[in-house]
Amino acid sequence: MSLVYSQFLETGAELGNNYTEVIAPQDVATYGGLCALASFDRTELKASIEFIDNLNFRNFLELVPEVRELIHDFYSSHYASCLDYLGNLKTNLLLDIHLHDHVEMLYNQIRHKALIQYTHPFVSVDLRMMANAFKTSVAGLEKELEALITDNQIQARIDSHNKILYARHADQRNATFQRVLQTGNEFDRDVRAMLLRANLLKHEYNLRASRKP
């Protein structure tokens, strides 16, 4: 899909209205923008935004400001606003002759990318706050996250009782800390035992020396 997006991105302004029976200029922005959000990670998207802001694709985006704004909202982690734009576009996209069969798949991938990106920087996430950010219920969010965790797209575990998502790297860090602490305790015990033996040997040596005639 990223290859498809690249093709849209490289489309020149000379397209104009020359091929409206096949694709309109505003469709280039819509198709390219949605494919970018569905397929690129944050780094790739940042590079694409820099490219968009400087080359021909920006001219197409100006024709569909909603797509331009939702791309920037997604990159800026303004997910509620991004999802609002997507929701407003969906009815027309479902009627699009080229895109209608792919809308649900694109929207699902974009939402999954947003969920993954939201959780990535945190050690723990309050599911209530996250559900509010994505305008969904906590129960619905849990199901979405469970599917992404099962699919190994999010490295985390869910505390359903406290409604907290914990990153697995936090668990690993805690496990590492516990192992280091245990090793330190064992080392301390061994050193104390060694000093005790040394003191006993020293005491025994001194005792023997004091008994010599």
C-alpha atoms as a PDB file:
ATOM      1  CA  MET A   1       0.000   0.000   0.000  1.00  0.00           C
ATOM      2  CA  SER A   2       2.910   2.366   0.649  1.00  0.00           C
ATOM      3  CA  LEU A   3       3.901   1.880  -3.010  1.00  0.00           C
ATOM      4  CA  VAL A   4       0.404   2.985  -4.040  1.00  0.00           C
ATOM      5  CA  TYR A   5       0.729   6.058  -1.849  1.00  0.00           C
ATOM      6  CA  SER A   6       4.124   6.860  -3.376  1.00  0.00           C
ATOM      7  CA  GLN A   7       2.567   6.822  -6.818  1.00  0.00           C
ATOM      8  CA  PHE A   8      -0.089   9.310  -5.720  1.00  0.00           C
ATOM      9  CA  LEU A   9       2.556  11.453  -4.035  1.00  0.00           C
ATOM     10  CA  GLU A  10       4.581  11.676  -7.231  1.00  0.00           C
ATOM     11  CA  THR A  11       1.598  12.744  -9.338  1.00  0.00           C
ATOM     12  CA  GLY A  12       2.332  16.107 -10.905  1.00  0.00           C
ATOM     13  CA  ALA A  13       0.075  19.138 -11.007  1.00  0.00           C
ATOM     14  CA  GLU A  14      -0.103  18.721 -14.784  1.00  0.00           C
ATOM     15  CA  LEU A  15      -2.766  16.083 -14.169  1.00  0.00           C
ATOM     16  CA  GLY A  16      -5.206  18.953 -13.729  1.00  0.00           C
ATOM     17  CA  ASN A  17      -8.591  18.141 -15.198  1.00  0.00           C
ATOM     18  CA  ASN A  18      -7.202  16.084 -18.064  1.00  0.00           C
ATOM     19  CA  TYR A  19      -8.349  12.686 -16.754  1.00  0.00           C
ATOM     20  CA  THR A  20     -11.481  13.481 -14.768  1.00  0.00           C
ATOM     21  CA  GLU A  21     -13.266  10.543 -16.366  1.00  0.00           C
ATOM     22  CA  VAL A  22     -10.765   8.316 -14.497  1.00  0.00           C
ATOM     23  CA  ILE A  23      -9.724  10.296 -11.423  1.00  0.00           C
ATOM     24  CA  ALA A  24     -10.296  13.836 -10.206  1.00  0.00           C
ATOM     25  CA  PRO A  25      -7.437  15.904  -8.745  1.00  0.00           C
ATOM     26  CA  GLN A  26      -9.031  15.893  -5.275  1.00  0.00           C
ATOM     27  CA  ASP A  27      -9.190  12.091  -5.423  1.00  0.00           C
ATOM     28  CA  VAL A  28      -5.392  11.993  -5.692  1.00  0.00           C
ATOM     29  CA  ALA A  29      -5.185  13.734  -2.312  1.00  0.00           C
ATOM     30  CA  THR A  30      -7.868  11.553  -0.724  1.00  0.00           C
ATOM     31  CA  TYR A  31      -6.552   8.218  -1.971  1.00  0.00           C
ATOM     32  CA  GLY A  32      -2.928   9.128  -1.282  1.00  0.00           C
ATOM     33  CA  GLY A  33      -3.631  10.514   2.181  1.00  0.00           C
ATOM     34  CA  LEU A  34      -5.677   7.520   3.333  1.00  0.00           C
ATOM     35  CA  CYS A  35      -3.131   5.033   1.981  1.00  0.00           C
ATOM     36  CA  ALA A  36      -0.366   6.912   3.798  1.00  0.00           C
ATOM     37  CA  LEU A  37      -2.182   6.802   7.151  1.00  0.00           C
ATOM     38  CA  ALA A  38      -3.062   3.123   6.720  1.00  0.00           C
ATOM     39  CA  SER A  39       0.434   1.946   5.787  1.00  0.00           C
ATOM     40  CA  PHE A  40       3.166   4.236   7.143  1.00  0.00           C
ATOM     41  CA  ASP A  41       4.656   4.255  10.610  1.00  0.00           C
ATOM     42  CA  ARG A  42       5.316   7.554  12.405  1.00  0.00           C
ATOM     43  CA  THR A  43       8.815   8.030  10.932  1.00  0.00           C
ATOM     44  CA  GLU A  44       7.658   7.363   7.386  1.00  0.00           C
ATOM     45  CA  LEU A  45       4.651   9.602   7.876  1.00  0.00           C
ATOM     46  CA  LYS A  46       6.866  12.444   9.114  1.00  0.00           C
ATOM     47  CA  ALA A  47       9.018  12.128   5.993  1.00  0.00           C
ATOM     48  CA  SER A  48       5.873  12.109   3.867  1.00  0.00           C
ATOM     49  CA  ILE A  49       4.498  15.226   5.560  1.00  0.00           C
ATOM     50  CA  GLU A  50       7.752  17.058   4.892  1.00  0.00           C
ATOM     51  CA  PHE A  51       7.509  15.903   1.277  1.00  0.00           C
ATOM     52  CA  ILE A  52       3.856  16.951   1.061  1.00  0.00           C
ATOM     53  CA  ASP A  53       4.608  20.417   2.388  1.00  0.00           C
ATOM     54  CA  ASN A  54       7.200  21.065  -0.275  1.00  0.00           C
ATOM     55  CA  LEU A  55       6.136  19.410  -3.512  1.00  0.00           C
ATOM     56  CA  ASN A  56       3.247  18.938  -5.938  1.00  0.00           C
ATOM     57  CA  PHE A  57       1.082  16.831  -3.653  1.00  0.00           C
ATOM     58  CA  ARG A  58       0.361  19.899  -1.553  1.00  0.00           C
ATOM     59  CA  ASN A  59      -1.553  21.390  -4.478  1.00  0.00           C
ATOM     60  CA  PHE A  60      -3.860  18.383  -4.479  1.00  0.00           C
ATOM     61  CA  LEU A  61      -4.290  18.497  -0.701  1.00  0.00           C
ATOM     62  CA  GLU A  62      -5.429  22.111  -0.915  1.00  0.00           C
ATOM     63  CA  LEU A  63      -8.444  20.813  -2.854  1.00  0.00           C
ATOM     64  CA  VAL A  64      -9.444  18.588   0.088  1.00  0.00           C
ATOM     65  CA  PRO A  65      -8.528  20.473   3.296  1.00  0.00           C
ATOM     66  CA  GLU A  66     -10.200  17.769   5.424  1.00  0.00           C
ATOM     67  CA  VAL A  67      -7.634  15.210   4.252  1.00  0.00           C
ATOM     68  CA  ARG A  68      -4.786  17.630   4.830  1.00  0.00           C
ATOM     69  CA  GLU A  69      -5.993  18.323   8.364  1.00  0.00           C
ATOM     70  CA  LEU A  70      -6.609  14.687   9.284  1.00  0.00           C
ATOM     71  CA  ILE A  71      -3.063  13.770   8.181  1.00  0.00           C
ATOM     72  CA  HIS A  72      -1.598  16.487  10.397  1.00  0.00           C
ATOM     73  CA  ASP A  73      -3.946  15.590  13.262  1.00  0.00           C
ATOM     74  CA  PHE A  74      -2.895  11.947  13.064  1.00  0.00           C
ATOM     75  CA  TYR A  75       0.798  12.827  13.103  1.00  0.00           C
ATOM     76  CA  SER A  76       0.240  15.312  15.962  1.00  0.00           C
ATOM     77  CA  SER A  77      -1.643  12.643  17.974  1.00  0.00           C
ATOM     78  CA  HIS A  78      -4.927  14.578  17.852  1.00  0.00           C
ATOM     79  CA  TYR A  79      -6.860  11.386  17.326  1.00  0.00           C
ATOM     80  CA  ALA A  80     -10.357  12.621  18.199  1.00  0.00           C
ATOM     81  CA  SER A  81     -10.140  15.350  15.580  1.00  0.00           C
ATOM     82  CA  CYS A  82      -8.585  12.964  13.045  1.00  0.00           C
ATOM     83  CA  LEU A  83     -11.379  10.426  13.567  1.00  0.00           C
ATOM     84  CA  ASP A  84     -13.987  13.163  13.253  1.00  0.00           C
ATOM     85  CA  TYR A  85     -12.605  14.126   9.846  1.00  0.00           C
ATOM     86  CA  LEU A  86     -12.592  10.483   8.789  1.00  0.00           C
ATOM     87  CA  GLY A  87     -16.172  10.059   9.973  1.00  0.00           C
ATOM     88  CA  ASN A  88     -17.300  13.086   7.982  1.00  0.00           C
ATOM     89  CA  LEU A  89     -15.632  11.758   4.822  1.00  0.00           C
ATOM     90  CA  LYS A  90     -16.873   8.184   5.082  1.00  0.00           C
ATOM     91  CA  THR A  91     -20.341   8.557   3.533  1.00  0.00           C
ATOM     92  CA  ASN A  92     -18.941  10.044   0.337  1.00  0.00           C
ATOM     93  CA  LEU A  93     -16.065   7.566   0.217  1.00  0.00           C
ATOM     94  CA  LEU A  94     -18.482   4.638   0.386  1.00  0.00           C
ATOM     95  CA  LEU A  95     -20.023   6.014  -2.815  1.00  0.00           C
ATOM     96  CA  ASP A  96     -16.660   6.435  -4.530  1.00  0.00           C
ATOM     97  CA  ILE A  97     -16.417   4.261  -7.630  1.00  0.00           C
ATOM     98  CA  HIS A  98     -12.788   3.305  -6.994  1.00  0.00           C
ATOM     99  CA  LEU A  99     -12.544   3.319  -3.215  1.00  0.00           C
ATOM    100  CA  HIS A 100     -15.859   2.009  -1.893  1.00  0.00           C
ATOM    101  CA  ASP A 101     -14.690  -1.621  -1.650  1.00  0.00           C
ATOM    102  CA  HIS A 102     -11.613  -0.585   0.363  1.00  0.00           C
ATOM    103  CA  VAL A 103     -13.027   2.002   2.771  1.00  0.00           C
ATOM    104  CA  GLU A 104     -13.658  -0.317   5.733  1.00  0.00           C
ATOM    105  CA  MET A 105     -10.233  -1.928   5.417  1.00  0.00           C
ATOM    106  CA  LEU A 106      -8.502   1.474   5.187  1.00  0.00           C
ATOM    107  CA  TYR A 107     -10.440   2.859   8.136  1.00  0.00           C
ATOM    108  CA  ASN A 108      -9.692  -0.203  10.280  1.00  0.00           C
ATOM    109  CA  GLN A 109      -5.972   0.019   9.490  1.00  0.00           C
ATOM    110  CA  ILE A 110      -5.877   3.744  10.226  1.00  0.00           C
ATOM    111  CA  ARG A 111      -7.656   3.219  13.550  1.00  0.00           C
ATOM    112  CA  HIS A 112      -5.298   0.380  14.470  1.00  0.00           C
ATOM    113  CA  LYS A 113      -2.297   2.581  13.638  1.00  0.00           C
ATOM    114  CA  ALA A 114      -3.733   5.308  15.854  1.00  0.00           C
ATOM    115  CA  LEU A 115      -4.287   2.907  18.768  1.00  0.00           C
ATOM    116  CA  ILE A 116      -0.740   1.560  18.436  1.00  0.00           C
ATOM    117  CA  GLN A 117       0.750   5.044  18.183  1.00  0.00           C
ATOM    118  CA  TYR A 118      -1.226   6.231  21.236  1.00  0.00           C
ATOM    119  CA  THR A 119       0.092   3.436  23.453  1.00  0.00           C
ATOM    120  CA  HIS A 120       3.677   3.451  22.227  1.00  0.00           C
ATOM    121  CA  PRO A 121       5.269   6.182  24.420  1.00  0.00           C
ATOM    122  CA  PHE A 122       3.716   5.076  27.712  1.00  0.00           C
ATOM    123  CA  VAL A 123       4.613   2.560  30.402  1.00  0.00           C
ATOM    124  CA  SER A 124       0.945   2.432  31.387  1.00  0.00           C
ATOM    125  CA  VAL A 125      -2.245   3.834  29.884  1.00  0.00           C
ATOM    126  CA  ASP A 126      -5.548   4.601  31.607  1.00  0.00           C
ATOM    127  CA  LEU A 127      -8.128   2.876  29.406  1.00  0.00           C
ATOM    128  CA  ARG A 128     -10.838   5.330  30.466  1.00  0.00           C
ATOM    129  CA  MET A 129      -8.830   8.285  29.184  1.00  0.00           C
ATOM    130  CA  MET A 130      -7.867   6.407  26.032  1.00  0.00           C
ATOM    131  CA  ALA A 131     -11.494   5.448  25.350  1.00  0.00           C
ATOM    132  CA  ASN A 132     -12.437   9.107  25.690  1.00  0.00           C
ATOM    133  CA  ALA A 133      -9.686  10.093  23.221  1.00  0.00           C
ATOM    134  CA  PHE A 134     -11.015   7.589  20.679  1.00  0.00           C
ATOM    135  CA  LYS A 135     -14.700   8.291  21.393  1.00  0.00           C
ATOM    136  CA  THR A 136     -15.523   4.709  22.267  1.00  0.00           C
ATOM    137  CA  SER A 137     -16.501   2.674  25.329  1.00  0.00           C
ATOM    138  CA  VAL A 138     -13.905   1.129  27.626  1.00  0.00           C
ATOM    139  CA  ALA A 139     -15.306  -2.336  26.854  1.00  0.00           C
ATOM    140  CA  GLY A 140     -15.077  -1.713  23.122  1.00  0.00           C
ATOM    141  CA  LEU A 141     -11.546  -0.360  23.463  1.00  0.00           C
ATOM    142  CA  GLU A 142     -10.480  -3.428  25.454  1.00  0.00           C
ATOM    143  CA  LYS A 143     -11.666  -5.695  22.650  1.00  0.00           C
ATOM    144  CA  GLU A 144      -9.736  -3.674  20.065  1.00  0.00           C
ATOM    145  CA  LEU A 145      -6.581  -3.715  22.173  1.00  0.00           C
ATOM    146  CA  GLU A 146      -6.898  -7.435  22.919  1.00  0.00           C
ATOM    147  CA  ALA A 147      -7.022  -8.130  19.177  1.00  0.00           C
ATOM    148  CA  LEU A 148      -3.908  -6.007  18.564  1.00  0.00           C
ATOM    149  CA  ILE A 149      -2.072  -7.664  21.480  1.00  0.00           C
ATOM    150  CA  THR A 150      -3.010 -11.123  20.196  1.00  0.00           C
ATOM    151  CA  ASP A 151      -1.786 -10.103  16.752  1.00  0.00           C
ATOM    152  CA  ASN A 152       1.492  -8.948  18.388  1.00  0.00           C
ATOM    153  CA  GLN A 153       1.013  -5.386  17.151  1.00  0.00           C
ATOM    154  CA  ILE A 154       0.994  -3.984  20.687  1.00  0.00           C
ATOM    155  CA  GLN A 155       3.424  -5.332  23.288  1.00  0.00           C
ATOM    156  CA  ALA A 156       1.296  -4.963  26.393  1.00  0.00           C
ATOM    157  CA  ARG A 157      -1.107  -6.592  28.833  1.00  0.00           C
ATOM    158  CA  ILE A 158      -4.483  -5.375  30.087  1.00  0.00           C
ATOM    159  CA  ASP A 159      -5.431  -5.089  33.749  1.00  0.00           C
ATOM    160  CA  SER A 160      -9.201  -5.375  33.226  1.00  0.00           C
ATOM    161  CA  HIS A 161     -10.014  -4.822  36.901  1.00  0.00           C
ATOM    162  CA  ASN A 162      -8.200  -1.471  37.157  1.00  0.00           C
ATOM    163  CA  LYS A 163      -8.664  -0.582  33.470  1.00  0.00           C
ATOM    164  CA  ILE A 164      -4.955  -0.066  32.858  1.00  0.00           C
ATOM    165  CA  LEU A 165      -2.833  -1.109  29.885  1.00  0.00           C
ATOM    166  CA  TYR A 166       0.732  -1.999  30.908  1.00  0.00           C
ATOM    167  CA  ALA A 167       3.532  -2.089  28.359  1.00  0.00           C
ATOM    168  CA  ARG A 168       5.431  -5.370  28.371  1.00  0.00           C
ATOM    169  CA  HIS A 169       8.756  -3.531  28.309  1.00  0.00           C
ATOM    170  CA  ALA A 170       7.764  -2.125  31.706  1.00  0.00           C
ATOM    171  CA  ASP A 171       7.224  -5.682  32.966  1.00  0.00           C
ATOM    172  CA  GLN A 172      10.580  -6.696  31.523  1.00  0.00           C
ATOM    173  CA  ARG A 173      12.269  -3.699  33.143  1.00  0.00           C
ATOM    174  CA  ASN A 174      10.712  -4.581  36.504  1.00  0.00           C
ATOM    175  CA  ALA A 175      11.770  -8.222  36.086  1.00  0.00           C
ATOM    176  CA  THR A 176      15.309  -7.082  35.280  1.00  0.00           C
ATOM    177  CA  PHE A 177      15.313  -4.847  38.360  1.00  0.00           C
ATOM    178  CA  GLN A 178      14.127  -7.737  40.531  1.00  0.00           C
ATOM    179  CA  ARG A 179      16.851  -9.992  39.124  1.00  0.00           C
ATOM    180  CA  VAL A 180      19.508  -7.339  39.800  1.00  0.00           C
ATOM    181  CA  LEU A 181      18.140  -6.827  43.311  1.00  0.00           C
ATOM    182  CA  GLN A 182      18.195 -10.575  43.967  1.00  0.00           C
ATOM    183  CA  THR A 183      21.758 -10.832  42.645  1.00  0.00           C
ATOM    184  CA  GLY A 184      22.770  -7.931  44.900  1.00  0.00           C
ATOM    185  CA  ASN A 185      21.176  -9.587  47.926  1.00  0.00           C
ATOM    186  CA  GLU A 186      22.929 -12.876  47.151  1.00  0.00           C
ATOM    187  CA  PHE A 187      26.245 -11.050  46.744  1.00  0.00           C
ATOM    188  CA  ASP A 188      25.710  -9.236  50.052  1.00  0.00           C
ATOM    189  CA  ARG A 189      24.922 -12.551  51.774  1.00  0.00           C
ATOM    190  CA  ASP A 190      28.020 -14.193  50.284  1.00  0.00           C
ATOM    191  CA  VAL A 191      30.253 -11.293  51.338  1.00  0.00           C
ATOM    192  CA  ARG A 192      28.865 -11.366  54.867  1.00  0.00           C
ATOM    193  CA  ALA A 193      29.424 -15.139  55.052  1.00  0.00           C
ATOM    194  CA  MET A 194      32.968 -14.711  53.769  1.00  0.00           C
ATOM    195  CA  LEU A 195      33.722 -12.004  56.356  1.00  0.00           C
ATOM    196  CA  LEU A 196      32.230 -14.151  59.088  1.00  0.00           C
ATOM    197  CA  ARG A 197      34.448 -17.099  58.088  1.00  0.00           C
ATOM    198  CA  ALA A 198      37.455 -14.793  57.921  1.00  0.00           C
ATOM    199  CA  ASN A 199      36.706 -13.444  61.410  1.00  0.00           C
ATOM    200  CA  LEU A 200      36.228 -16.964  62.784  1.00  0.00           C
ATOM    201  CA  LEU A 201      39.518 -18.092  61.269  1.00  0.00           C
ATOM    202  CA  LYS A 202      41.245 -14.995  62.621  1.00  0.00           C
ATOM    203  CA  HIS A 203      39.723 -15.575  66.065  1.00  0.00           C
ATOM    204  CA  GLU A 204      40.760 -19.235  65.996  1.00  0.00           C
ATOM    205  CA  TYR A 205      44.301 -18.271  64.946  1.00  0.00           C
ATOM    206  CA  ASN A 206      44.550 -15.691  67.729  1.00  0.00           C
ATOM    207  CA  LEU A 207      43.145 -18.194  70.217  1.00  0.00           C
ATOM    208  CA  ARG A 208      45.737 -20.784  69.238  1.00  0.00           C
ATOM    209  CA  ALA A 209      48.496 -18.199  69.404  1.00  0.00           C
ATOM    210  CA  SER A 210      47.446 -17.121  72.887  1.00  0.00           C
ATOM    211  CA  ARG A 211      47.557 -20.736  74.118  1.00  0.00           C
ATOM    212  CA  LYS A 212      51.114 -21.341  72.961  1.00  0.00           C
ATOM    213  CA  PRO A 213      53.654 -21.544  75.859  1.00  0.00           C
END
